[in-house]
Structure formats: structure tokens, C-alpha cells
């Protein structure tokens, strides 16, 4: 039996800030969910199941929050699933929800991911001593900086590439009213002269700590036919994982990421992603990961990713726009950051991305990664249904 085509018919997100003290955790998630339902012009009664995701519970110190969030999400008496794959969880959550529709288990599913970092300390949470593992000590930046330096040594990339990415994404964020960081006075020189945190990563090349949530309504072909606005159709989706540390692991270009991208492209019938994909929402929490992921995802040959960034290819008006929304560098509610990449890709092909809309975007990639570059989730969405 063939899979049911999956369509994104509703998207909602909160205004992302350092601290949403005006709402509780329940209020935060409901804000995103209500906006997604309004976009789809549906009610809670139209939702058959809810799939929710977030980063580790100790980031907020609330264990299994999905239990008390069921009421806020209209899930009382309905199936509710919780997904967790570290920082990639927003993407994984969307893929689990899409699987329920594709398998015809449910017809219409609300999927949502969130984080309220202001109620805890993620840096502390990322610095816990873990038995038999490499200690993080200095948080995520301290863990990933050596991988960035390895990329620079491997490719000969000049030291200023990271600043170009950060400057681009922060300027893109000015077009996105939901983005956390709106730095109107930012200049490239300010990025280059910001304090060094983890060599070679500077302060302005890092993601913020955000409160926020993102929600999507996924439905079948019949539901898409009733949608008030053009849907985004899922053409391929995949997850891959690998251990955090093992002999021979390539921390610059993880095998799981390459395999995940290859599977998604195969499903979507894409043979040349550089030419066939119109926009990319890529998980870039530290600026240097743009050129690194350009290679990992097959948009550039090994050692060539930084050249795409340097030449302006990834600008919003470039040949391959990357993170027109401002990306994780501008908004980072960790549990929702991956879903934001998926949702923003869907907004592009629906033509509903507002001021950060990429002209003529018909096919887009949403990408998320998490943990020690060990969890990957991706999807390709388009403005037309997949071929039967």
C-alpha cells in the first residue's frame, strides 16, 4: 500500500525572546498551537493526535512536562507522543507526526516543540560530568570549537568566514518579526571584533538563549484539499544517528548527516541538490557550521563549502539562500529550533514567509542536528504533491 501524501497546512510560532515572563510554559506552547490552527482554519476538534518534543528536561528542571501540557494542547482524551533527540528534536518530532499521517494512523496531527530556557540554565545543563564520556565543561561551544578548527585546517578556509555567516543571518533576522535578535546597528566589523569565546568562535557568531515554541498542522490529501492556503507537501524525510564518540568518527562531516541527506534526496527524487533546492533552513548554532553543513548535505564538494559562503551564494538573494529567517544564530529555543527550520522551509514553498520570502521558492530543505553532531533529521518540502 502506498503512503498517504503529507501536507503542512498550518504553521504557528511565538515571538522568541530571552525571557517570555508574560506566559507560563503552558501559555507558551498554546500560543504557537493556536496560531497554527488559525493558519489552517481548524479547531481543536479537528486534531486527531498531538506529537510534542523538547530538549532534555533538565534544561528547565520540569520532568515530563508533556503530562501537564496536554490540556493546553487540546490533547486530553487524544493520543499524545513525546519525542526526544537532543537539539534535533524539533525536526524529529515533525517527522514522527508526518509518519502517523503517511501511515494513515491519523488524518490530522498537531506537532509542536518548545523551550523556555529562561527558567533554567542550559549552560549548566550542558556542563554536567557524564561517566565514561568526554566532558563538555564549557558548554556546546567548547565542544564544537575543535571541530570548527579541524574544518579550517582541513579546507584552508580563511578565518573571516564565520563572521560573514553571522552577519548574513542577523541581517536576515531583521526581516523576520518572530526572530529573537534584531540587531539593527550590527556591522560586519562589529561581528569581527566581538569577544572571542571559544577560538575561533566569537560572541556574535553564537546562537542566543531563547524562549519560544513552534507548531505545525500536518494532514492528508483530503485535508490539504480543504486548506485555505496553499500547503507545503512533504517529498522526503529521514532521521539518522551515530554515537557521540567512536574510533574513526568524522566530527567535521558526520556519516549520519551524509546518510540522512542522501536518503531524503532519494525519496524526493533529487539528484543535484545544489540546483534543485531553492532555499535551505539549516541548523547553524555556531556560524562556521554553515560551510561545514553545505559540504555534509551535498551542496558543495569537500573543502568547497566556505567558498559558497564567501562568494555570496548563501545570501537571501543568492543562488542558494541559507537561513533566510535568520536561523538558529538569531533564534534558539533549543527544543523548537529544529522544528523552526522545518516550518520555515514549509513557509517558503507556501509563499507565506513574509519579508524573508525567497523569490520563486518551490522546493526547500529543513535540517536539524543535535547532541555531539550525532542526531540528524531532515525533510524536503515542495509546493506540489509528490508523484504517486
Protein backbone atom coordinates (compact mmCIF):
# COMPACT_ATOMS: atom_id res chain seq x y z
CA UNK A 1 0.00 0.00 0.00
CA UNK A 2 1.34 3.42 -0.92
CA UNK A 3 1.94 6.06 1.72
CA UNK A 4 -0.56 8.85 2.22
CA UNK A 5 0.83 12.21 0.99
CA UNK A 6 1.55 14.55 3.90
CA UNK A 7 0.80 18.27 3.73
CA UNK A 8 1.66 21.15 6.05
CA UNK A 9 -1.47 23.31 6.21
CA UNK A 10 -0.87 25.31 9.39
CA UNK A 11 2.22 26.92 10.92
CA UNK A 12 2.47 28.96 14.10
CA UNK A 13 5.29 30.24 16.25
CA UNK A 14 5.69 32.51 19.21
CA UNK A 15 7.64 35.74 19.40
CA UNK A 16 11.03 34.47 20.55
CA UNK A 17 12.82 36.40 23.28
CA UNK A 18 15.37 35.83 26.04
CA UNK A 19 12.57 35.51 28.60
CA UNK A 20 8.83 35.17 27.99
CA UNK A 21 7.81 36.09 31.53
CA UNK A 22 4.32 37.03 30.35
CA UNK A 23 3.30 33.38 29.87
CA UNK A 24 3.75 30.06 31.63
CA UNK A 25 5.14 27.03 29.84
CA UNK A 26 1.54 26.03 29.04
CA UNK A 27 0.76 29.51 27.75
CA UNK A 28 3.85 29.48 25.57
CA UNK A 29 3.01 26.25 23.77
CA UNK A 30 -0.66 27.16 23.40
CA UNK A 31 0.30 30.45 21.72
CA UNK A 32 2.13 28.57 18.94
CA UNK A 33 -0.57 25.90 18.65
CA UNK A 34 -3.41 28.42 18.36
CA UNK A 35 -1.55 30.27 15.61
CA UNK A 36 -1.01 27.03 13.68
CA UNK A 37 -4.71 26.17 13.97
CA UNK A 38 -5.69 29.66 12.84
CA UNK A 39 -3.39 29.37 9.84
CA UNK A 40 -5.08 26.08 8.91
CA UNK A 41 -8.54 27.46 9.82
CA UNK A 42 -9.15 24.40 12.00
CA UNK A 43 -10.27 23.89 15.60
CA UNK A 44 -9.02 21.63 18.37
CA UNK A 45 -11.78 19.18 17.45
CA UNK A 46 -10.16 18.66 14.04
CA UNK A 47 -6.93 17.37 15.59
CA UNK A 48 -6.68 13.58 15.93
CA UNK A 49 -3.35 13.38 17.82
CA UNK A 50 -0.55 15.54 19.21
CA UNK A 51 3.19 14.93 18.89
CA UNK A 52 5.36 17.08 21.15
CA UNK A 53 9.12 17.47 21.51
CA UNK A 54 11.68 19.37 23.54
CA UNK A 55 15.32 19.21 24.58
CA UNK A 56 16.44 17.45 27.81
CA UNK A 57 14.11 18.04 30.76
CA UNK A 58 16.93 19.30 32.96
CA UNK A 59 17.19 22.39 30.75
CA UNK A 60 14.11 23.66 32.61
CA UNK A 61 14.01 21.32 35.58
CA UNK A 62 10.47 20.13 34.83
CA UNK A 63 10.31 16.41 34.34
CA UNK A 64 7.92 15.07 31.69
CA UNK A 65 6.20 18.43 31.12
CA UNK A 66 4.07 16.90 28.35
CA UNK A 67 1.81 15.43 31.04
CA UNK A 68 0.64 18.77 32.34
CA UNK A 69 0.73 20.42 28.89
CA UNK A 70 -1.88 18.03 27.47
CA UNK A 71 -4.75 20.34 28.39
CA UNK A 72 -3.06 23.41 26.87
CA UNK A 73 -2.57 21.48 23.63
CA UNK A 74 -6.09 20.10 23.34
CA UNK A 75 -4.73 16.59 23.81
CA UNK A 76 -6.98 15.42 26.64
CA UNK A 77 -8.53 12.15 25.50
CA UNK A 78 -6.36 12.04 22.38
CA UNK A 79 -3.15 10.15 21.60
CA UNK A 80 -0.07 12.17 22.59
CA UNK A 81 3.54 11.25 21.89
CA UNK A 82 6.76 12.79 23.23
CA UNK A 83 9.93 12.74 21.09
CA UNK A 84 13.49 13.45 22.18
CA UNK A 85 16.70 13.55 20.09
CA UNK A 86 18.64 16.39 21.77
CA UNK A 87 18.92 19.56 19.64
CA UNK A 88 17.49 17.88 16.53
CA UNK A 89 14.28 17.06 18.41
CA UNK A 90 12.15 19.68 16.66
CA UNK A 91 12.84 18.05 13.33
CA UNK A 92 12.44 14.52 14.67
CA UNK A 93 9.12 15.47 16.26
CA UNK A 94 7.78 16.73 12.92
CA UNK A 95 8.92 13.52 11.22
CA UNK A 96 7.19 11.32 13.80
CA UNK A 97 4.00 13.31 13.26
CA UNK A 98 4.33 13.03 9.49
CA UNK A 99 4.76 9.27 9.82
CA UNK A 100 1.41 8.98 11.58
CA UNK A 101 -0.31 10.74 8.68
CA UNK A 102 1.66 8.88 5.99
CA UNK A 103 0.75 5.53 7.57
CA UNK A 104 -2.91 6.61 7.85
CA UNK A 105 -2.88 6.10 11.61
CA UNK A 106 -4.29 9.63 11.96
CA UNK A 107 -5.60 12.08 9.39
CA UNK A 108 -4.68 15.40 11.01
CA UNK A 109 -1.91 15.81 13.59
CA UNK A 110 -0.71 18.81 15.60
CA UNK A 111 3.03 18.73 16.18
CA UNK A 112 4.79 21.17 18.49
CA UNK A 113 8.23 21.76 20.01
CA UNK A 114 9.33 24.28 22.61
CA UNK A 115 11.86 25.52 25.13
CA UNK A 116 11.71 28.01 27.98
CA UNK A 117 15.39 28.44 28.70
CA UNK A 118 14.86 31.44 30.96
CA UNK A 119 13.52 29.12 33.67
CA UNK A 120 16.80 27.23 33.98
CA UNK A 121 20.42 27.33 32.85
CA UNK A 122 21.24 25.42 29.69
CA UNK A 123 24.94 26.19 30.02
CA UNK A 124 24.94 24.44 33.39
CA UNK A 125 22.86 21.65 31.91
CA UNK A 126 25.44 21.17 29.14
CA UNK A 127 28.34 21.11 31.58
CA UNK A 128 27.38 18.10 33.68
CA UNK A 129 30.06 15.44 34.15
CA UNK A 130 28.98 12.36 32.21
CA UNK A 131 30.50 8.99 33.16
CA UNK A 132 32.78 7.49 30.52
CA UNK A 133 32.24 10.46 28.17
CA UNK A 134 34.28 13.44 27.13
CA UNK A 135 33.24 16.28 29.49
CA UNK A 136 31.67 19.34 27.88
CA UNK A 137 32.91 21.72 30.60
CA UNK A 138 32.42 24.91 28.56
CA UNK A 139 29.04 24.03 27.12
CA UNK A 140 28.21 23.37 23.48
CA UNK A 141 30.62 25.99 22.14
CA UNK A 142 33.55 24.41 23.91
CA UNK A 143 32.58 21.04 22.49
CA UNK A 144 32.19 22.18 18.87
CA UNK A 145 35.06 24.71 18.57
CA UNK A 146 37.69 21.98 17.99
CA UNK A 147 35.54 20.60 15.17
CA UNK A 148 35.50 24.05 13.58
CA UNK A 149 39.27 24.35 13.87
CA UNK A 150 39.60 20.90 12.29
CA UNK A 151 37.43 22.09 9.38
CA UNK A 152 39.63 25.17 8.91
CA UNK A 153 42.79 23.06 8.87
CA UNK A 154 41.25 20.52 6.50
CA UNK A 155 39.95 23.04 3.97
CA UNK A 156 42.24 26.05 4.31
CA UNK A 157 39.21 28.27 4.94
CA UNK A 158 40.17 31.85 5.87
CA UNK A 159 39.38 32.96 9.41
CA UNK A 160 36.72 35.50 8.42
CA UNK A 161 34.14 33.07 7.02
CA UNK A 162 32.30 32.66 10.33
CA UNK A 163 31.78 36.40 10.61
CA UNK A 164 30.24 36.52 7.12
CA UNK A 165 27.68 33.87 8.10
CA UNK A 166 26.75 35.60 11.34
CA UNK A 167 26.41 38.98 9.66
CA UNK A 168 24.19 37.48 6.94
CA UNK A 169 21.89 35.60 9.31
CA UNK A 170 21.48 38.50 11.73
CA UNK A 171 20.58 40.80 8.82
CA UNK A 172 18.06 38.23 7.59
CA UNK A 173 16.53 38.16 11.08
CA UNK A 174 15.61 41.82 10.72
CA UNK A 175 13.07 40.70 8.10
CA UNK A 176 11.52 38.13 10.48
CA UNK A 177 9.19 39.63 13.11
CA UNK A 178 9.32 36.45 15.24
CA UNK A 179 13.14 36.32 15.46
CA UNK A 180 14.78 36.82 18.84
CA UNK A 181 17.71 39.02 17.83
CA UNK A 182 17.02 42.21 15.93
CA UNK A 183 20.40 43.96 15.86
CA UNK A 184 19.72 47.00 13.69
CA UNK A 185 23.14 48.53 14.26
CA UNK A 186 25.15 45.40 13.54
CA UNK A 187 28.06 45.71 11.14
CA UNK A 188 30.50 43.14 9.82
CA UNK A 189 33.26 44.87 11.76
CA UNK A 190 31.27 44.53 15.00
CA UNK A 191 30.97 40.80 14.42
CA UNK A 192 34.69 40.52 13.70
CA UNK A 193 35.65 42.48 16.80
CA UNK A 194 33.24 40.81 19.25
CA UNK A 195 34.87 38.89 22.13
CA UNK A 196 36.40 35.51 21.43
CA UNK A 197 34.53 32.83 23.41
CA UNK A 198 35.85 29.54 22.07
CA UNK A 199 38.57 30.04 19.47
CA UNK A 200 37.67 30.57 16.62
CA UNK A 201 34.05 31.23 17.64
CA UNK A 202 33.31 34.82 18.65
CA UNK A 203 30.39 36.09 20.72
CA UNK A 204 28.48 37.39 17.68
CA UNK A 205 28.95 34.05 15.91
CA UNK A 206 26.95 32.13 18.52
CA UNK A 207 23.26 31.42 18.99
CA UNK A 208 21.24 33.19 21.69
CA UNK A 209 19.32 31.52 24.51
CA UNK A 210 15.62 31.87 23.68
CA UNK A 211 12.16 31.14 24.99
CA UNK A 212 9.78 30.03 22.27
CA UNK A 213 7.65 27.40 20.58
CA UNK A 214 6.74 26.30 17.07
CA UNK A 215 3.74 24.28 15.90
CA UNK A 216 2.55 22.76 12.63
CA UNK A 217 -0.65 21.09 11.47
CA UNK A 218 0.00 18.09 9.22
CA UNK A 219 -2.78 16.42 7.28
CA UNK A 220 -3.61 14.03 4.44
CA UNK A 221 -4.61 14.76 0.86
CA UNK A 222 -8.27 15.30 1.73
CA UNK A 223 -7.32 17.74 4.48
CA UNK A 224 -5.00 19.59 2.12
CA UNK A 225 -7.81 19.98 -0.41
CA UNK A 226 -9.80 21.86 2.25
CA UNK A 227 -6.91 24.10 3.34
CA UNK A 228 -7.47 27.85 2.95
CA UNK A 229 -3.91 28.49 1.78
CA UNK A 230 -1.52 26.53 -0.44
CA UNK A 231 0.03 23.68 1.56
CA UNK A 232 3.65 22.53 1.66
CA UNK A 233 3.94 18.91 0.56
CA UNK A 234 6.47 16.60 2.12
CA UNK A 235 8.58 14.89 -0.55
CA UNK A 236 11.07 13.17 1.74
CA UNK A 237 12.06 12.90 5.39
CA UNK A 238 14.65 10.93 7.34
CA UNK A 239 16.46 10.60 10.66
CA UNK A 240 19.90 9.16 11.31
CA UNK A 241 22.08 8.86 14.41
CA UNK A 242 25.54 7.69 15.42
CA UNK A 243 27.46 7.52 18.71
CA UNK A 244 28.88 10.72 20.16
CA UNK A 245 32.39 9.29 20.15
CA UNK A 246 33.85 6.29 18.38
CA UNK A 247 37.08 5.40 16.65
CA UNK A 248 37.17 6.94 13.20
CA UNK A 249 34.27 9.37 13.76
CA UNK A 250 34.43 12.33 11.39
CA UNK A 251 33.42 15.26 13.59
CA UNK A 252 33.72 17.70 10.68
CA UNK A 253 31.33 15.81 8.37
CA UNK A 254 29.48 13.11 10.34
CA UNK A 255 28.46 9.97 8.46
CA UNK A 256 24.93 10.13 9.92
CA UNK A 257 24.40 13.56 8.37
CA UNK A 258 25.60 12.46 4.95
CA UNK A 259 23.45 9.32 5.05
CA UNK A 260 20.37 11.23 6.22
CA UNK A 261 20.67 13.77 3.42
CA UNK A 262 21.20 11.04 0.81
CA UNK A 263 18.06 9.23 1.96
CA UNK A 264 15.93 12.38 1.85
CA UNK A 265 17.18 13.27 -1.63
CA UNK A 266 16.48 9.74 -2.83
CA UNK A 267 12.91 9.92 -1.54
CA UNK A 268 12.40 13.32 -3.15
CA UNK A 269 13.96 12.29 -6.46
CA UNK A 270 16.70 14.91 -6.10
CA UNK A 271 19.95 14.17 -7.90
CA UNK A 272 21.56 17.64 -7.77
CA UNK A 273 20.59 19.42 -4.53
CA UNK A 274 22.66 22.47 -5.39
CA UNK A 275 20.46 23.13 -8.43
CA UNK A 276 17.13 21.57 -7.44
CA UNK A 277 16.62 23.09 -3.97
CA UNK A 278 15.59 26.74 -3.84
CA UNK A 279 16.05 27.52 -0.14
CA UNK A 280 17.67 25.87 2.87
CA UNK A 281 16.81 26.25 6.54
CA UNK A 282 19.91 24.78 8.13
CA UNK A 283 20.69 24.23 11.82
CA UNK A 284 23.63 26.59 12.39
CA UNK A 285 24.10 27.38 16.11
CA UNK A 286 27.70 28.49 15.54
CA UNK A 287 28.42 30.37 12.33
CA UNK A 288 31.09 28.06 10.96
CA UNK A 289 28.57 25.25 10.66
CA UNK A 290 27.10 26.80 7.51
CA UNK A 291 30.09 25.90 5.30
CA UNK A 292 30.54 22.62 7.17
CA UNK A 293 26.93 21.54 6.59
CA UNK A 294 26.97 22.76 2.97
CA UNK A 295 29.50 20.01 2.37
CA UNK A 296 27.87 17.43 4.65
CA UNK A 297 24.50 17.89 2.90
CA UNK A 298 25.91 17.63 -0.60
CA UNK A 299 25.59 21.25 -1.70
CA UNK A 300 29.35 21.59 -2.10
CA UNK A 301 32.30 19.28 -2.60
CA UNK A 302 34.60 18.61 0.34
CA UNK A 303 36.63 21.70 1.12
CA UNK A 304 34.43 23.96 -1.03
CA UNK A 305 31.61 24.94 1.36
CA UNK A 306 33.30 28.09 2.66
CA UNK A 307 33.70 29.34 -0.91
CA UNK A 308 29.91 29.37 -1.38
CA UNK A 309 29.56 31.49 1.75
CA UNK A 310 32.39 33.82 0.77
CA UNK A 311 31.01 34.38 -2.74
CA UNK A 312 27.53 35.34 -1.52
CA UNK A 313 25.77 32.23 -2.83
CA UNK A 314 24.00 31.72 0.54
CA UNK A 315 22.67 35.27 0.83
CA UNK A 316 18.89 35.68 0.74
CA UNK A 317 19.16 36.94 -2.85
CA UNK A 318 21.90 34.45 -3.74
CA UNK A 319 21.78 31.30 -5.81
CA UNK A 320 21.21 29.07 -2.72
CA UNK A 321 19.68 31.11 0.13
CA UNK A 322 20.55 29.62 3.53
CA UNK A 323 18.56 30.62 6.61
CA UNK A 324 16.51 33.50 5.19
CA UNK A 325 14.65 33.51 8.53
CA UNK A 326 17.83 34.35 10.46
CA UNK A 327 18.29 30.77 11.57
CA UNK A 328 19.46 29.40 14.90
CA UNK A 329 22.07 32.18 15.08
CA UNK A 330 19.17 34.60 15.61
CA UNK A 331 16.61 32.43 17.45
CA UNK A 332 17.34 29.40 19.62
CA UNK A 333 14.63 27.87 21.82
CA UNK A 334 16.63 24.63 21.70
CA UNK A 335 13.77 22.13 21.65
CA UNK A 336 11.95 24.11 18.95
CA UNK A 337 14.96 25.20 16.86
CA UNK A 338 14.82 22.14 14.59
CA UNK A 339 11.07 22.46 14.03
CA UNK A 340 11.56 26.11 13.19
CA UNK A 341 13.90 25.02 10.38
CA UNK A 342 11.26 22.59 9.09
CA UNK A 343 8.45 25.14 9.45
CA UNK A 344 10.40 27.96 7.81
CA UNK A 345 11.19 25.68 4.86
CA UNK A 346 7.46 24.99 4.56
CA UNK A 347 6.64 28.70 4.76
CA UNK A 348 8.99 29.34 1.84
CA UNK A 349 7.28 26.89 -0.53
CA UNK A 350 3.85 28.07 0.61
CA UNK A 351 4.89 31.62 -0.31
CA UNK A 352 3.99 32.78 3.20
CA UNK A 353 7.39 33.78 4.63
CA UNK A 354 6.65 37.50 4.52
CA UNK A 355 9.60 39.85 4.18
CA UNK A 356 12.12 36.99 4.21
CA UNK A 357 10.40 35.16 1.36
CA UNK A 358 12.79 33.80 -1.28
CA UNK A 359 11.51 34.67 -4.74
CA UNK A 360 10.36 31.63 -6.66
CA UNK A 361 11.00 29.11 -3.87
CA UNK A 362 9.26 25.88 -4.86
CA UNK A 363 11.39 23.27 -3.08
CA UNK A 364 13.13 23.71 0.28
CA UNK A 365 15.18 21.69 2.76
CA UNK A 366 14.69 21.77 6.53
CA UNK A 367 17.65 20.43 8.55
CA UNK A 368 18.36 19.83 12.23
CA UNK A 369 21.15 18.25 14.20
CA UNK A 370 21.67 17.56 17.87
CA UNK A 371 23.85 16.11 20.59
CA UNK A 372 27.52 15.83 19.71
CA UNK A 373 26.72 16.03 15.98
CA UNK A 374 25.14 12.62 16.37
CA UNK A 375 21.39 13.09 15.72
CA UNK A 376 20.15 14.32 12.33
CA UNK A 377 16.67 14.95 10.95
CA UNK A 378 15.74 16.49 7.60
CA UNK A 379 12.85 16.94 5.23
CA UNK A 380 12.28 18.28 1.74
CA UNK A 381 9.01 20.10 1.09
CA UNK A 382 7.61 21.45 -2.16
CA UNK A 383 4.65 23.42 -3.47
CA UNK A 384 3.20 20.44 -5.34
CA UNK A 385 2.26 16.93 -4.14
CA UNK A 386 4.79 14.14 -4.61
CA UNK A 387 4.35 11.88 -7.59
CA UNK A 388 2.21 8.82 -6.93
